[in-house]
Amino acid sequence: MNAYAVAHLRNVDLNDDIVRYIETIDDTLAPYDGRFLVHGVDPEGMEGPFEGNLVIIEFPDVDRARSWYESPEYQAILPLRTENSEGRAVVVQGTPPGYRATHFLDKVFGAQR
């Protein structure tokens, strides 16, 4: 099941370090079959303003997403981003084919529903 590395970045200082990070990150993704789904766009706030940028990178599964983030290659460039921006990053698992919102209720409430 696909997984996603999601980052919400704010106050990015577009200096030489960030440029180097951007120039290098693609090479760190390739061994883990990661690819950008969202990058470098300004989100359209539908329910209030959204400050900053959203980055979404897709991976074939959570293990590869985690392995990419923890890899020596990515860890070597990570400070180039974290020291020049504010933000949060998470890894989340996607949903299987046929998933419906009510499946969440089944997970939470089980047979009680």
C-alpha atoms as a PDB file:
ATOM      1  CA  MET A   1       0.000   0.000   0.000  1.00  0.00           C
ATOM      2  CA  ASN A   2       1.390   3.409  -0.947  1.00  0.00           C
ATOM      3  CA  ALA A   3       2.779   5.717   1.705  1.00  0.00           C
ATOM      4  CA  TYR A   4       3.456   9.426   1.696  1.00  0.00           C
ATOM      5  CA  ALA A   5       6.075  11.695   3.209  1.00  0.00           C
ATOM      6  CA  VAL A   6       4.273  14.976   3.843  1.00  0.00           C
ATOM      7  CA  ALA A   7       5.946  18.217   4.880  1.00  0.00           C
ATOM      8  CA  HIS A   8       4.393  21.565   5.751  1.00  0.00           C
ATOM      9  CA  LEU A   9       7.156  24.124   5.351  1.00  0.00           C
ATOM     10  CA  ARG A  10       7.058  27.769   6.396  1.00  0.00           C
ATOM     11  CA  ASN A  11       9.514  30.639   6.309  1.00  0.00           C
ATOM     12  CA  VAL A  12      11.854  28.953   3.869  1.00  0.00           C
ATOM     13  CA  ASP A  13      15.055  30.943   3.355  1.00  0.00           C
ATOM     14  CA  LEU A  14      15.905  30.344  -0.316  1.00  0.00           C
ATOM     15  CA  ASN A  15      19.642  30.523   0.248  1.00  0.00           C
ATOM     16  CA  ASP A  16      22.491  28.406  -1.142  1.00  0.00           C
ATOM     17  CA  ASP A  17      21.819  25.580   1.352  1.00  0.00           C
ATOM     18  CA  ILE A  18      18.180  25.213   0.289  1.00  0.00           C
ATOM     19  CA  VAL A  19      19.219  25.316  -3.354  1.00  0.00           C
ATOM     20  CA  ARG A  20      21.717  22.501  -2.677  1.00  0.00           C
ATOM     21  CA  TYR A  21      18.995  20.525  -0.836  1.00  0.00           C
ATOM     22  CA  ILE A  22      16.629  20.873  -3.796  1.00  0.00           C
ATOM     23  CA  GLU A  23      19.364  19.953  -6.264  1.00  0.00           C
ATOM     24  CA  THR A  24      20.230  16.805  -4.263  1.00  0.00           C
ATOM     25  CA  ILE A  25      16.956  15.381  -2.924  1.00  0.00           C
ATOM     26  CA  ASP A  26      15.879  13.609  -6.133  1.00  0.00           C
ATOM     27  CA  ASP A  27      18.952  11.375  -6.006  1.00  0.00           C
ATOM     28  CA  THR A  28      18.046  10.324  -2.451  1.00  0.00           C
ATOM     29  CA  LEU A  29      14.510   9.356  -3.519  1.00  0.00           C
ATOM     30  CA  ALA A  30      15.397   7.143  -6.489  1.00  0.00           C
ATOM     31  CA  PRO A  31      16.636   4.063  -4.559  1.00  0.00           C
ATOM     32  CA  TYR A  32      13.350   4.002  -2.600  1.00  0.00           C
ATOM     33  CA  ASP A  33      11.058   4.588  -5.603  1.00  0.00           C
ATOM     34  CA  GLY A  34       9.955   7.928  -4.179  1.00  0.00           C
ATOM     35  CA  ARG A  35       8.412  10.594  -6.388  1.00  0.00           C
ATOM     36  CA  PHE A  36       7.060  14.062  -5.815  1.00  0.00           C
ATOM     37  CA  LEU A  37       3.290  14.419  -6.033  1.00  0.00           C
ATOM     38  CA  VAL A  38       3.168  17.996  -4.730  1.00  0.00           C
ATOM     39  CA  HIS A  39       6.149  20.369  -4.625  1.00  0.00           C
ATOM     40  CA  GLY A  40       6.703  24.069  -5.081  1.00  0.00           C
ATOM     41  CA  VAL A  41       3.073  25.146  -5.294  1.00  0.00           C
ATOM     42  CA  ASP A  42       1.100  27.541  -3.143  1.00  0.00           C
ATOM     43  CA  PRO A  43      -1.878  25.711  -1.633  1.00  0.00           C
ATOM     44  CA  GLU A  44      -5.289  27.265  -2.135  1.00  0.00           C
ATOM     45  CA  GLY A  45      -6.863  27.650   1.297  1.00  0.00           C
ATOM     46  CA  MET A  46     -10.427  26.394   1.133  1.00  0.00           C
ATOM     47  CA  GLU A  47     -11.192  26.850   4.833  1.00  0.00           C
ATOM     48  CA  GLY A  48      -8.971  29.723   5.815  1.00  0.00           C
ATOM     49  CA  PRO A  49      -5.425  30.644   4.902  1.00  0.00           C
ATOM     50  CA  PHE A  50      -2.696  28.065   4.539  1.00  0.00           C
ATOM     51  CA  GLU A  51       0.687  29.545   5.333  1.00  0.00           C
ATOM     52  CA  GLY A  52       3.729  28.038   3.707  1.00  0.00           C
ATOM     53  CA  ASN A  53       4.196  25.196   1.267  1.00  0.00           C
ATOM     54  CA  LEU A  54       3.052  21.609   1.190  1.00  0.00           C
ATOM     55  CA  VAL A  55       5.294  18.835  -0.113  1.00  0.00           C
ATOM     56  CA  ILE A  56       3.998  15.310  -0.735  1.00  0.00           C
ATOM     57  CA  ILE A  57       6.298  12.481  -1.821  1.00  0.00           C
ATOM     58  CA  GLU A  58       4.832   9.085  -2.702  1.00  0.00           C
ATOM     59  CA  PHE A  59       6.522   5.757  -1.929  1.00  0.00           C
ATOM     60  CA  PRO A  60       5.397   2.187  -2.647  1.00  0.00           C
ATOM     61  CA  ASP A  61       5.048   1.467   1.106  1.00  0.00           C
ATOM     62  CA  VAL A  62       5.751   2.782   4.604  1.00  0.00           C
ATOM     63  CA  ASP A  63       8.969   0.781   4.926  1.00  0.00           C
ATOM     64  CA  ARG A  64      10.521   2.468   1.891  1.00  0.00           C
ATOM     65  CA  ALA A  65       9.329   5.910   2.997  1.00  0.00           C
ATOM     66  CA  ARG A  66      10.870   5.391   6.433  1.00  0.00           C
ATOM     67  CA  SER A  67      14.038   3.873   4.948  1.00  0.00           C
ATOM     68  CA  TRP A  68      14.443   6.893   2.662  1.00  0.00           C
ATOM     69  CA  TYR A  69      14.034   9.354   5.543  1.00  0.00           C
ATOM     70  CA  GLU A  70      16.493   7.425   7.715  1.00  0.00           C
ATOM     71  CA  SER A  71      19.005   6.800   4.912  1.00  0.00           C
ATOM     72  CA  PRO A  72      22.509   8.230   5.302  1.00  0.00           C
ATOM     73  CA  GLU A  73      22.082  10.048   1.985  1.00  0.00           C
ATOM     74  CA  TYR A  74      18.944  11.897   3.091  1.00  0.00           C
ATOM     75  CA  GLN A  75      20.152  12.485   6.636  1.00  0.00           C
ATOM     76  CA  ALA A  76      23.255  14.145   5.161  1.00  0.00           C
ATOM     77  CA  ILE A  77      21.162  16.817   3.407  1.00  0.00           C
ATOM     78  CA  LEU A  78      18.289  17.104   5.900  1.00  0.00           C
ATOM     79  CA  PRO A  79      19.979  19.877   7.952  1.00  0.00           C
ATOM     80  CA  LEU A  80      20.116  21.991   4.791  1.00  0.00           C
ATOM     81  CA  ARG A  81      16.303  22.147   5.009  1.00  0.00           C
ATOM     82  CA  THR A  82      15.705  22.076   8.756  1.00  0.00           C
ATOM     83  CA  GLU A  83      18.231  24.824   9.474  1.00  0.00           C
ATOM     84  CA  ASN A  84      16.723  27.099   6.821  1.00  0.00           C
ATOM     85  CA  SER A  85      12.984  26.625   7.257  1.00  0.00           C
ATOM     86  CA  GLU A  86      10.297  25.970   9.825  1.00  0.00           C
ATOM     87  CA  GLY A  87       8.053  23.010   9.418  1.00  0.00           C
ATOM     88  CA  ARG A  88       6.892  19.539  10.233  1.00  0.00           C
ATOM     89  CA  ALA A  89       7.239  16.271   8.331  1.00  0.00           C
ATOM     90  CA  VAL A  90       5.327  13.026   8.703  1.00  0.00           C
ATOM     91  CA  VAL A  91       5.069   9.654   7.004  1.00  0.00           C
ATOM     92  CA  VAL A  92       1.552   8.297   6.517  1.00  0.00           C
ATOM     93  CA  GLN A  93       0.194   5.136   4.980  1.00  0.00           C
ATOM     94  CA  GLY A  94      -2.291   5.490   2.155  1.00  0.00           C
ATOM     95  CA  THR A  95      -5.618   3.719   1.920  1.00  0.00           C
ATOM     96  CA  PRO A  96      -6.303   0.498   0.024  1.00  0.00           C
ATOM     97  CA  PRO A  97      -8.364   0.393  -3.173  1.00  0.00           C
ATOM     98  CA  GLY A  98     -12.067   0.624  -2.414  1.00  0.00           C
ATOM     99  CA  TYR A  99     -11.550   2.451   0.883  1.00  0.00           C
ATOM    100  CA  ARG A 100     -14.537   4.452   2.100  1.00  0.00           C
ATOM    101  CA  ALA A 101     -14.662   7.044   4.875  1.00  0.00           C
ATOM    102  CA  THR A 102     -16.944   4.789   6.927  1.00  0.00           C
ATOM    103  CA  HIS A 103     -14.084   2.274   7.227  1.00  0.00           C
ATOM    104  CA  PHE A 104     -12.574   4.695   9.732  1.00  0.00           C
ATOM    105  CA  LEU A 105     -15.724   4.406  11.862  1.00  0.00           C
ATOM    106  CA  ASP A 106     -15.504   0.625  11.706  1.00  0.00           C
ATOM    107  CA  LYS A 107     -11.896   0.833  12.908  1.00  0.00           C
ATOM    108  CA  VAL A 108     -12.770   3.183  15.779  1.00  0.00           C
ATOM    109  CA  PHE A 109     -16.070   1.685  16.904  1.00  0.00           C
ATOM    110  CA  GLY A 110     -15.780  -1.892  15.605  1.00  0.00           C
ATOM    111  CA  ALA A 111     -18.847  -4.049  16.059  1.00  0.00           C
ATOM    112  CA  GLN A 112     -20.458  -1.430  18.335  1.00  0.00           C
ATOM    113  CA  ARG A 113     -21.471   0.596  15.291  1.00  0.00           C
END
